[in-house]
All heavy atoms as atom14 arrays in JSON, in Angstrom:
{
  "sequence": "SGAETRRRIQECIEDILAEGRQASETRRLELVSQFETLKQPSRQS",
  "atom14_mask": [
    [1, 1, 1, 1, 1, 1, 0, 0, 0, 0, 0, 0, 0, 0],
    [1, 1, 1, 1, 0, 0, 0, 0, 0, 0, 0, 0, 0, 0],
    [1, 1, 1, 1, 1, 0, 0, 0, 0, 0, 0, 0, 0, 0],
    [1, 1, 1, 1, 1, 1, 1, 1, 1, 0, 0, 0, 0, 0],
    [1, 1, 1, 1, 1, 1, 1, 0, 0, 0, 0, 0, 0, 0],
    [1, 1, 1, 1, 1, 1, 1, 1, 1, 1, 1, 0, 0, 0],
    [1, 1, 1, 1, 1, 1, 1, 1, 1, 1, 1, 0, 0, 0],
    [1, 1, 1, 1, 1, 1, 1, 1, 1, 1, 1, 0, 0, 0],
    [1, 1, 1, 1, 1, 1, 1, 1, 0, 0, 0, 0, 0, 0],
    [1, 1, 1, 1, 1, 1, 1, 1, 1, 0, 0, 0, 0, 0],
    [1, 1, 1, 1, 1, 1, 1, 1, 1, 0, 0, 0, 0, 0],
    [1, 1, 1, 1, 1, 1, 0, 0, 0, 0, 0, 0, 0, 0],
    [1, 1, 1, 1, 1, 1, 1, 1, 0, 0, 0, 0, 0, 0],
    [1, 1, 1, 1, 1, 1, 1, 1, 1, 0, 0, 0, 0, 0],
    [1, 1, 1, 1, 1, 1, 1, 1, 0, 0, 0, 0, 0, 0],
    [1, 1, 1, 1, 1, 1, 1, 1, 0, 0, 0, 0, 0, 0],
    [1, 1, 1, 1, 1, 1, 1, 1, 0, 0, 0, 0, 0, 0],
    [1, 1, 1, 1, 1, 0, 0, 0, 0, 0, 0, 0, 0, 0],
    [1, 1, 1, 1, 1, 1, 1, 1, 1, 0, 0, 0, 0, 0],
    [1, 1, 1, 1, 0, 0, 0, 0, 0, 0, 0, 0, 0, 0],
    [1, 1, 1, 1, 1, 1, 1, 1, 1, 1, 1, 0, 0, 0],
    [1, 1, 1, 1, 1, 1, 1, 1, 1, 0, 0, 0, 0, 0],
    [1, 1, 1, 1, 1, 0, 0, 0, 0, 0, 0, 0, 0, 0],
    [1, 1, 1, 1, 1, 1, 0, 0, 0, 0, 0, 0, 0, 0],
    [1, 1, 1, 1, 1, 1, 1, 1, 1, 0, 0, 0, 0, 0],
    [1, 1, 1, 1, 1, 1, 1, 0, 0, 0, 0, 0, 0, 0],
    [1, 1, 1, 1, 1, 1, 1, 1, 1, 1, 1, 0, 0, 0],
    [1, 1, 1, 1, 1, 1, 1, 1, 1, 1, 1, 0, 0, 0],
    [1, 1, 1, 1, 1, 1, 1, 1, 0, 0, 0, 0, 0, 0],
    [1, 1, 1, 1, 1, 1, 1, 1, 1, 0, 0, 0, 0, 0],
    [1, 1, 1, 1, 1, 1, 1, 1, 0, 0, 0, 0, 0, 0],
    [1, 1, 1, 1, 1, 1, 1, 0, 0, 0, 0, 0, 0, 0],
    [1, 1, 1, 1, 1, 1, 0, 0, 0, 0, 0, 0, 0, 0],
    [1, 1, 1, 1, 1, 1, 1, 1, 1, 0, 0, 0, 0, 0],
    [1, 1, 1, 1, 1, 1, 1, 1, 1, 1, 1, 0, 0, 0],
    [1, 1, 1, 1, 1, 1, 1, 1, 1, 0, 0, 0, 0, 0],
    [1, 1, 1, 1, 1, 1, 1, 0, 0, 0, 0, 0, 0, 0],
    [1, 1, 1, 1, 1, 1, 1, 1, 0, 0, 0, 0, 0, 0],
    [1, 1, 1, 1, 1, 1, 1, 1, 1, 0, 0, 0, 0, 0],
    [1, 1, 1, 1, 1, 1, 1, 1, 1, 0, 0, 0, 0, 0],
    [1, 1, 1, 1, 1, 1, 1, 0, 0, 0, 0, 0, 0, 0],
    [1, 1, 1, 1, 1, 1, 0, 0, 0, 0, 0, 0, 0, 0],
    [1, 1, 1, 1, 1, 1, 1, 1, 1, 1, 1, 0, 0, 0],
    [1, 1, 1, 1, 1, 1, 1, 1, 1, 0, 0, 0, 0, 0],
    [1, 1, 1, 1, 1, 1, 0, 0, 0, 0, 0, 0, 0, 0]
  ],
  "atom14_positions": [
    [[5.33, 26.58, -31.87], [5.81, 25.22, -32.07], [4.86, 24.46, -32.98], [3.72, 24.87, -33.2], [5.92, 24.5, -30.72], [4.62, 24.25, -30.2], [0.0, 0.0, 0.0], [0.0, 0.0, 0.0], [0.0, 0.0, 0.0], [0.0, 0.0, 0.0], [0.0, 0.0, 0.0], [0.0, 0.0, 0.0], [0.0, 0.0, 0.0], [0.0, 0.0, 0.0]],
    [[5.33, 23.35, -33.49], [4.5, 22.52, -34.36], [3.24, 22.04, -33.67], [2.16, 22.05, -34.25], [0.0, 0.0, 0.0], [0.0, 0.0, 0.0], [0.0, 0.0, 0.0], [0.0, 0.0, 0.0], [0.0, 0.0, 0.0], [0.0, 0.0, 0.0], [0.0, 0.0, 0.0], [0.0, 0.0, 0.0], [0.0, 0.0, 0.0], [0.0, 0.0, 0.0]],
    [[3.38, 21.61, -32.43], [2.23, 21.12, -31.67], [1.2, 22.23, -31.48], [-0.01, 22.01, -31.63], [2.67, 20.56, -30.33], [0.0, 0.0, 0.0], [0.0, 0.0, 0.0], [0.0, 0.0, 0.0], [0.0, 0.0, 0.0], [0.0, 0.0, 0.0], [0.0, 0.0, 0.0], [0.0, 0.0, 0.0], [0.0, 0.0, 0.0], [0.0, 0.0, 0.0]],
    [[1.69, 23.43, -31.14], [0.77, 24.56, -30.93], [0.09, 24.94, -32.24], [-1.12, 25.2, -32.27], [1.54, 25.76, -30.38], [0.73, 27.03, -30.24], [-0.35, 26.95, -29.18], [-0.3, 26.06, -28.32], [-1.27, 27.8, -29.22], [0.0, 0.0, 0.0], [0.0, 0.0, 0.0], [0.0, 0.0, 0.0], [0.0, 0.0, 0.0], [0.0, 0.0, 0.0]],
    [[0.83, 24.94, -33.33], [0.26, 25.26, -34.64], [-0.79, 24.24, -35.03], [-1.89, 24.59, -35.49], [1.36, 25.33, -35.71], [2.31, 26.33, -35.33], [0.79, 25.69, -37.07], [0.0, 0.0, 0.0], [0.0, 0.0, 0.0], [0.0, 0.0, 0.0], [0.0, 0.0, 0.0], [0.0, 0.0, 0.0], [0.0, 0.0, 0.0], [0.0, 0.0, 0.0]],
    [[-0.5, 22.96, -34.84], [-1.47, 21.91, -35.17], [-2.72, 22.03, -34.31], [-3.84, 21.86, -34.8], [-0.84, 20.53, -34.99], [0.11, 20.15, -36.1], [0.54, 18.71, -36.0], [1.28, 18.41, -34.78], [2.58, 18.59, -34.63], [3.31, 19.07, -35.62], [3.17, 18.29, -33.49], [0.0, 0.0, 0.0], [0.0, 0.0, 0.0], [0.0, 0.0, 0.0]],
    [[-2.54, 22.35, -33.04], [-3.68, 22.52, -32.14], [-4.57, 23.67, -32.61], [-5.79, 23.55, -32.67], [-3.22, 22.77, -30.71], [-4.37, 22.84, -29.7], [-3.9, 23.26, -28.31], [-3.33, 24.59, -28.27], [-4.04, 25.73, -28.31], [-5.35, 25.68, -28.4], [-3.44, 26.9, -28.27], [0.0, 0.0, 0.0], [0.0, 0.0, 0.0], [0.0, 0.0, 0.0]],
    [[-3.95, 24.78, -32.98], [-4.71, 25.95, -33.43], [-5.44, 25.67, -34.75], [-6.59, 26.07, -34.94], [-3.81, 27.16, -33.56], [-3.35, 27.67, -32.19], [-2.5, 28.87, -32.35], [-3.3, 29.94, -32.94], [-3.24, 31.2, -32.56], [-2.44, 31.55, -31.6], [-3.97, 32.11, -33.15], [0.0, 0.0, 0.0], [0.0, 0.0, 0.0], [0.0, 0.0, 0.0]],
    [[-4.77, 24.96, -35.65], [-5.41, 24.59, -36.91], [-6.59, 23.69, -36.64], [-7.68, 23.86, -37.21], [-4.4, 23.93, -37.86], [-3.38, 24.96, -38.36], [-5.1, 23.26, -39.04], [-2.21, 24.36, -39.12], [0.0, 0.0, 0.0], [0.0, 0.0, 0.0], [0.0, 0.0, 0.0], [0.0, 0.0, 0.0], [0.0, 0.0, 0.0], [0.0, 0.0, 0.0]],
    [[-6.42, 22.71, -35.74], [-7.51, 21.79, -35.39], [-8.68, 22.55, -34.79], [-9.85, 22.27, -35.11], [-7.0, 20.71, -34.43], [-8.04, 19.68, -34.08], [-8.46, 18.85, -35.27], [-7.66, 18.55, -36.14], [-9.73, 18.51, -35.34], [0.0, 0.0, 0.0], [0.0, 0.0, 0.0], [0.0, 0.0, 0.0], [0.0, 0.0, 0.0], [0.0, 0.0, 0.0]],
    [[-8.4, 23.51, -33.91], [-9.47, 24.3, -33.31], [-10.23, 25.09, -34.38], [-11.46, 25.16, -34.34], [-8.91, 25.26, -32.27], [-8.48, 24.59, -30.98], [-7.83, 25.56, -30.01], [-7.63, 26.75, -30.36], [-7.49, 25.13, -28.9], [0.0, 0.0, 0.0], [0.0, 0.0, 0.0], [0.0, 0.0, 0.0], [0.0, 0.0, 0.0], [0.0, 0.0, 0.0]],
    [[-9.5, 25.67, -35.33], [-10.16, 26.42, -36.41], [-11.04, 25.51, -37.24], [-12.17, 25.88, -37.58], [-9.11, 27.09, -37.3], [-8.32, 28.51, -36.54], [0.0, 0.0, 0.0], [0.0, 0.0, 0.0], [0.0, 0.0, 0.0], [0.0, 0.0, 0.0], [0.0, 0.0, 0.0], [0.0, 0.0, 0.0], [0.0, 0.0, 0.0], [0.0, 0.0, 0.0]],
    [[-10.54, 24.32, -37.55], [-11.32, 23.37, -38.33], [-12.58, 22.97, -37.57], [-13.67, 22.91, -38.14], [-10.46, 22.14, -38.7], [-9.4, 22.53, -39.72], [-11.32, 21.0, -39.23], [-8.36, 21.47, -39.98], [0.0, 0.0, 0.0], [0.0, 0.0, 0.0], [0.0, 0.0, 0.0], [0.0, 0.0, 0.0], [0.0, 0.0, 0.0], [0.0, 0.0, 0.0]],
    [[-12.43, 22.7, -36.27], [-13.59, 22.32, -35.46], [-14.62, 23.44, -35.4], [-15.83, 23.2, -35.48], [-13.14, 21.91, -34.06], [-12.4, 20.59, -34.04], [-11.77, 20.29, -32.68], [-11.9, 21.11, -31.74], [-11.13, 19.23, -32.58], [0.0, 0.0, 0.0], [0.0, 0.0, 0.0], [0.0, 0.0, 0.0], [0.0, 0.0, 0.0], [0.0, 0.0, 0.0]],
    [[-14.14, 24.7, -35.28], [-15.06, 25.84, -35.26], [-15.81, 25.96, -36.58], [-17.03, 26.2, -36.6], [-14.3, 27.15, -34.98], [-13.79, 27.23, -33.55], [-14.25, 26.43, -32.69], [-12.92, 28.09, -33.29], [0.0, 0.0, 0.0], [0.0, 0.0, 0.0], [0.0, 0.0, 0.0], [0.0, 0.0, 0.0], [0.0, 0.0, 0.0], [0.0, 0.0, 0.0]],
    [[-15.09, 25.82, -37.69], [-15.72, 25.91, -39.01], [-16.76, 24.81, -39.18], [-17.87, 25.05, -39.67], [-14.65, 25.85, -40.12], [-13.82, 27.14, -40.1], [-15.28, 25.63, -41.48], [-12.57, 27.08, -40.94], [0.0, 0.0, 0.0], [0.0, 0.0, 0.0], [0.0, 0.0, 0.0], [0.0, 0.0, 0.0], [0.0, 0.0, 0.0], [0.0, 0.0, 0.0]],
    [[-16.42, 23.58, -38.77], [-17.36, 22.47, -38.89], [-18.59, 22.69, -38.02], [-19.71, 22.41, -38.44], [-16.68, 21.15, -38.53], [-15.63, 20.65, -39.53], [-14.94, 19.41, -38.99], [-16.26, 20.38, -40.88], [0.0, 0.0, 0.0], [0.0, 0.0, 0.0], [0.0, 0.0, 0.0], [0.0, 0.0, 0.0], [0.0, 0.0, 0.0], [0.0, 0.0, 0.0]],
    [[-18.39, 23.21, -36.81], [-19.53, 23.47, -35.92], [-20.45, 24.54, -36.52], [-21.67, 24.39, -36.48], [-19.03, 23.91, -34.54], [0.0, 0.0, 0.0], [0.0, 0.0, 0.0], [0.0, 0.0, 0.0], [0.0, 0.0, 0.0], [0.0, 0.0, 0.0], [0.0, 0.0, 0.0], [0.0, 0.0, 0.0], [0.0, 0.0, 0.0], [0.0, 0.0, 0.0]],
    [[-19.86, 25.58, -37.09], [-20.67, 26.62, -37.72], [-21.43, 26.05, -38.91], [-22.6, 26.38, -39.13], [-19.79, 27.77, -38.19], [-19.25, 28.63, -37.06], [-18.32, 29.72, -37.56], [-18.37, 30.06, -38.76], [-17.54, 30.23, -36.74], [0.0, 0.0, 0.0], [0.0, 0.0, 0.0], [0.0, 0.0, 0.0], [0.0, 0.0, 0.0], [0.0, 0.0, 0.0]],
    [[-20.78, 25.19, -39.67], [-21.44, 24.56, -40.82], [-22.59, 23.68, -40.39], [-23.66, 23.69, -41.01], [0.0, 0.0, 0.0], [0.0, 0.0, 0.0], [0.0, 0.0, 0.0], [0.0, 0.0, 0.0], [0.0, 0.0, 0.0], [0.0, 0.0, 0.0], [0.0, 0.0, 0.0], [0.0, 0.0, 0.0], [0.0, 0.0, 0.0], [0.0, 0.0, 0.0]],
    [[-22.37, 22.9, -39.32], [-23.45, 22.04, -38.82], [-24.63, 22.88, -38.35], [-25.79, 22.55, -38.6], [-22.93, 21.17, -37.68], [-22.06, 20.04, -38.13], [-21.68, 19.11, -36.96], [-20.57, 18.29, -37.34], [-19.32, 18.47, -36.92], [-19.03, 19.44, -36.08], [-18.35, 17.67, -37.34], [0.0, 0.0, 0.0], [0.0, 0.0, 0.0], [0.0, 0.0, 0.0]],
    [[-24.33, 23.98, -37.63], [-25.41, 24.82, -37.14], [-26.17, 25.47, -38.3], [-27.4, 25.53, -38.29], [-24.88, 25.89, -36.2], [-25.98, 26.79, -35.69], [-25.65, 27.47, -34.39], [-24.6, 27.25, -33.82], [-26.55, 28.3, -33.93], [0.0, 0.0, 0.0], [0.0, 0.0, 0.0], [0.0, 0.0, 0.0], [0.0, 0.0, 0.0], [0.0, 0.0, 0.0]],
    [[-25.44, 25.94, -39.3], [-26.09, 26.56, -40.45], [-26.95, 25.55, -41.19], [-28.06, 25.87, -41.62], [-25.04, 27.16, -41.38], [0.0, 0.0, 0.0], [0.0, 0.0, 0.0], [0.0, 0.0, 0.0], [0.0, 0.0, 0.0], [0.0, 0.0, 0.0], [0.0, 0.0, 0.0], [0.0, 0.0, 0.0], [0.0, 0.0, 0.0], [0.0, 0.0, 0.0]],
    [[-26.44, 24.32, -41.34], [-27.24, 23.32, -42.05], [-28.48, 22.93, -41.25], [-29.54, 22.71, -41.83], [-26.39, 22.08, -42.38], [-26.05, 21.38, -41.21], [0.0, 0.0, 0.0], [0.0, 0.0, 0.0], [0.0, 0.0, 0.0], [0.0, 0.0, 0.0], [0.0, 0.0, 0.0], [0.0, 0.0, 0.0], [0.0, 0.0, 0.0], [0.0, 0.0, 0.0]],
    [[-28.37, 22.86, -39.94], [-29.53, 22.53, -39.11], [-30.57, 23.66, -39.18], [-31.77, 23.39, -39.29], [-29.11, 22.28, -37.66], [-30.25, 21.97, -36.72], [-30.99, 20.68, -37.06], [-30.48, 19.84, -37.84], [-32.11, 20.5, -36.56], [0.0, 0.0, 0.0], [0.0, 0.0, 0.0], [0.0, 0.0, 0.0], [0.0, 0.0, 0.0], [0.0, 0.0, 0.0]],
    [[-30.11, 24.9, -39.13], [-31.02, 26.04, -39.26], [-31.74, 26.01, -40.59], [-32.96, 26.18, -40.66], [-30.24, 27.37, -39.12], [-29.61, 27.4, -37.84], [-31.16, 28.57, -39.27], [0.0, 0.0, 0.0], [0.0, 0.0, 0.0], [0.0, 0.0, 0.0], [0.0, 0.0, 0.0], [0.0, 0.0, 0.0], [0.0, 0.0, 0.0], [0.0, 0.0, 0.0]],
    [[-31.0, 25.75, -41.66], [-31.61, 25.69, -42.99], [-32.57, 24.52, -43.09], [-33.64, 24.64, -43.69], [-30.52, 25.59, -44.06], [-31.05, 25.6, -45.46], [-31.74, 26.91, -45.77], [-32.22, 26.87, -47.15], [-33.3, 27.47, -47.58], [-34.02, 28.21, -46.75], [-33.67, 27.37, -48.82], [0.0, 0.0, 0.0], [0.0, 0.0, 0.0], [0.0, 0.0, 0.0]],
    [[-32.21, 23.37, -42.5], [-33.09, 22.21, -42.52], [-34.42, 22.54, -41.86], [-35.5, 22.21, -42.38], [-32.43, 21.02, -41.83], [-33.24, 19.72, -41.94], [-32.65, 18.62, -41.09], [-32.85, 18.86, -39.67], [-34.01, 18.65, -39.03], [-35.06, 18.19, -39.66], [-34.1, 18.89, -37.74], [0.0, 0.0, 0.0], [0.0, 0.0, 0.0], [0.0, 0.0, 0.0]],
    [[-34.36, 23.2, -40.7], [-35.58, 23.57, -39.99], [-36.42, 24.55, -40.82], [-37.66, 24.45, -40.84], [-35.26, 24.17, -38.63], [-34.66, 23.18, -37.61], [-34.23, 23.92, -36.36], [-35.64, 22.07, -37.29], [0.0, 0.0, 0.0], [0.0, 0.0, 0.0], [0.0, 0.0, 0.0], [0.0, 0.0, 0.0], [0.0, 0.0, 0.0], [0.0, 0.0, 0.0]],
    [[-35.76, 25.48, -41.51], [-36.5, 26.41, -42.37], [-37.21, 25.65, -43.49], [-38.37, 25.92, -43.8], [-35.54, 27.43, -42.99], [-34.99, 28.45, -42.01], [-33.91, 29.31, -42.63], [-33.58, 29.15, -43.82], [-33.39, 30.18, -41.9], [0.0, 0.0, 0.0], [0.0, 0.0, 0.0], [0.0, 0.0, 0.0], [0.0, 0.0, 0.0], [0.0, 0.0, 0.0]],
    [[-36.51, 24.71, -44.11], [-37.09, 23.95, -45.2], [-38.24, 23.06, -44.74], [-39.26, 22.93, -45.42], [-36.02, 23.11, -45.91], [-34.99, 23.91, -46.7], [-33.88, 22.99, -47.19], [-35.64, 24.63, -47.86], [0.0, 0.0, 0.0], [0.0, 0.0, 0.0], [0.0, 0.0, 0.0], [0.0, 0.0, 0.0], [0.0, 0.0, 0.0], [0.0, 0.0, 0.0]],
    [[-38.1, 22.47, -43.56], [-39.19, 21.65, -43.01], [-40.41, 22.53, -42.77], [-41.53, 22.14, -43.09], [-38.73, 20.93, -41.72], [-39.91, 20.36, -40.96], [-37.72, 19.85, -42.04], [0.0, 0.0, 0.0], [0.0, 0.0, 0.0], [0.0, 0.0, 0.0], [0.0, 0.0, 0.0], [0.0, 0.0, 0.0], [0.0, 0.0, 0.0], [0.0, 0.0, 0.0]],
    [[-40.18, 23.71, -42.22], [-41.29, 24.63, -41.97], [-41.97, 25.03, -43.28], [-43.21, 25.03, -43.37], [-40.78, 25.87, -41.25], [-41.79, 26.82, -41.13], [0.0, 0.0, 0.0], [0.0, 0.0, 0.0], [0.0, 0.0, 0.0], [0.0, 0.0, 0.0], [0.0, 0.0, 0.0], [0.0, 0.0, 0.0], [0.0, 0.0, 0.0], [0.0, 0.0, 0.0]],
    [[-41.19, 25.35, -44.29], [-41.76, 25.7, -45.6], [-42.52, 24.52, -46.2], [-43.6, 24.7, -46.77], [-40.66, 26.15, -46.55], [-40.07, 27.49, -46.21], [-38.91, 27.85, -47.12], [-38.55, 27.11, -48.02], [-38.31, 29.0, -46.87], [0.0, 0.0, 0.0], [0.0, 0.0, 0.0], [0.0, 0.0, 0.0], [0.0, 0.0, 0.0], [0.0, 0.0, 0.0]],
    [[-41.98, 23.34, -46.06], [-42.64, 22.15, -46.59], [-43.98, 21.92, -45.91], [-44.99, 21.64, -46.56], [-41.73, 20.94, -46.43], [-42.31, 19.66, -46.94], [-42.48, 19.45, -48.3], [-42.71, 18.65, -46.06], [-43.02, 18.27, -48.78], [-43.25, 17.48, -46.53], [-43.41, 17.28, -47.89], [0.0, 0.0, 0.0], [0.0, 0.0, 0.0], [0.0, 0.0, 0.0]],
    [[-43.99, 22.05, -44.58], [-45.23, 21.87, -43.83], [-46.27, 22.91, -44.25], [-47.45, 22.61, -44.37], [-44.98, 21.95, -42.33], [-44.16, 20.79, -41.78], [-44.83, 19.45, -41.98], [-46.07, 19.36, -41.9], [-44.09, 18.47, -42.23], [0.0, 0.0, 0.0], [0.0, 0.0, 0.0], [0.0, 0.0, 0.0], [0.0, 0.0, 0.0], [0.0, 0.0, 0.0]],
    [[-45.82, 24.14, -44.49], [-46.73, 25.19, -44.93], [-47.32, 24.86, -46.3], [-48.52, 25.04, -46.54], [-45.99, 26.54, -45.0], [-45.48, 26.86, -43.71], [-46.92, 27.66, -45.46], [0.0, 0.0, 0.0], [0.0, 0.0, 0.0], [0.0, 0.0, 0.0], [0.0, 0.0, 0.0], [0.0, 0.0, 0.0], [0.0, 0.0, 0.0], [0.0, 0.0, 0.0]],
    [[-46.5, 24.35, -47.18], [-46.97, 24.0, -48.53], [-47.9, 22.79, -48.52], [-48.75, 22.66, -49.41], [-45.78, 23.73, -49.45], [-44.94, 24.95, -49.8], [-43.69, 24.53, -50.57], [-45.76, 25.93, -50.62], [0.0, 0.0, 0.0], [0.0, 0.0, 0.0], [0.0, 0.0, 0.0], [0.0, 0.0, 0.0], [0.0, 0.0, 0.0], [0.0, 0.0, 0.0]],
    [[-47.77, 21.92, -47.53], [-48.64, 20.76, -47.45], [-50.05, 21.13, -47.02], [-50.99, 20.4, -47.31], [-48.08, 19.72, -46.46], [-46.94, 18.95, -47.02], [-46.39, 17.84, -46.14], [-47.0, 17.54, -44.85], [-46.34, 16.47, -44.08], [0.0, 0.0, 0.0], [0.0, 0.0, 0.0], [0.0, 0.0, 0.0], [0.0, 0.0, 0.0], [0.0, 0.0, 0.0]],
    [[-50.2, 22.25, -46.34], [-51.52, 22.69, -45.85], [-52.39, 23.05, -47.05], [-51.95, 23.71, -47.99], [-51.39, 23.89, -44.94], [-50.55, 23.65, -43.7], [-51.15, 22.58, -42.81], [-52.36, 22.52, -42.64], [-50.29, 21.75, -42.24], [0.0, 0.0, 0.0], [0.0, 0.0, 0.0], [0.0, 0.0, 0.0], [0.0, 0.0, 0.0], [0.0, 0.0, 0.0]],
    [[-53.65, 22.61, -47.04], [-54.54, 22.97, -48.15], [-54.77, 24.48, -48.18], [-54.93, 25.12, -47.14], [-55.82, 22.22, -47.86], [-55.74, 21.76, -46.46], [-54.3, 21.8, -46.04], [0.0, 0.0, 0.0], [0.0, 0.0, 0.0], [0.0, 0.0, 0.0], [0.0, 0.0, 0.0], [0.0, 0.0, 0.0], [0.0, 0.0, 0.0], [0.0, 0.0, 0.0]],
    [[-54.8, 25.02, -49.35], [-55.0, 26.44, -49.52], [-56.48, 26.79, -49.35], [-57.36, 26.09, -49.86], [-54.51, 26.86, -50.9], [-54.88, 28.18, -51.16], [0.0, 0.0, 0.0], [0.0, 0.0, 0.0], [0.0, 0.0, 0.0], [0.0, 0.0, 0.0], [0.0, 0.0, 0.0], [0.0, 0.0, 0.0], [0.0, 0.0, 0.0], [0.0, 0.0, 0.0]],
    [[-56.76, 27.88, -48.67], [-58.15, 28.31, -48.49], [-58.71, 28.86, -49.8], [-59.92, 28.86, -50.0], [-58.25, 29.38, -47.4], [-57.97, 28.84, -46.03], [-58.3, 29.91, -44.98], [-57.98, 29.44, -43.66], [-58.86, 28.93, -42.81], [-60.13, 28.82, -43.19], [-58.5, 28.53, -41.62], [0.0, 0.0, 0.0], [0.0, 0.0, 0.0], [0.0, 0.0, 0.0]],
    [[-57.86, 29.32, -50.68], [-58.34, 29.88, -51.95], [-58.9, 28.78, -52.86], [-59.77, 29.02, -53.66], [-57.21, 30.59, -52.67], [-56.76, 31.85, -51.95], [-55.58, 32.48, -52.65], [-54.98, 31.9, -53.53], [-55.25, 33.69, -52.24], [0.0, 0.0, 0.0], [0.0, 0.0, 0.0], [0.0, 0.0, 0.0], [0.0, 0.0, 0.0], [0.0, 0.0, 0.0]],
    [[-58.37, 27.57, -52.75], [-58.84, 26.51, -53.64], [-60.17, 25.92, -53.17], [-60.76, 25.13, -53.89], [-57.78, 25.4, -53.74], [-57.59, 24.81, -52.48], [0.0, 0.0, 0.0], [0.0, 0.0, 0.0], [0.0, 0.0, 0.0], [0.0, 0.0, 0.0], [0.0, 0.0, 0.0], [0.0, 0.0, 0.0], [0.0, 0.0, 0.0], [0.0, 0.0, 0.0]]
  ]
}
């Protein structure tokens, strides 16, 4: 039915958005970690 189809489409969209949010948060944490590492003074210098 139309209602069932709309519900399934909405669920798929919500799943895709949740995966995107999780991926962006994971990447953000990686970038913050890399940034913090780069801010540390190098022992070679």
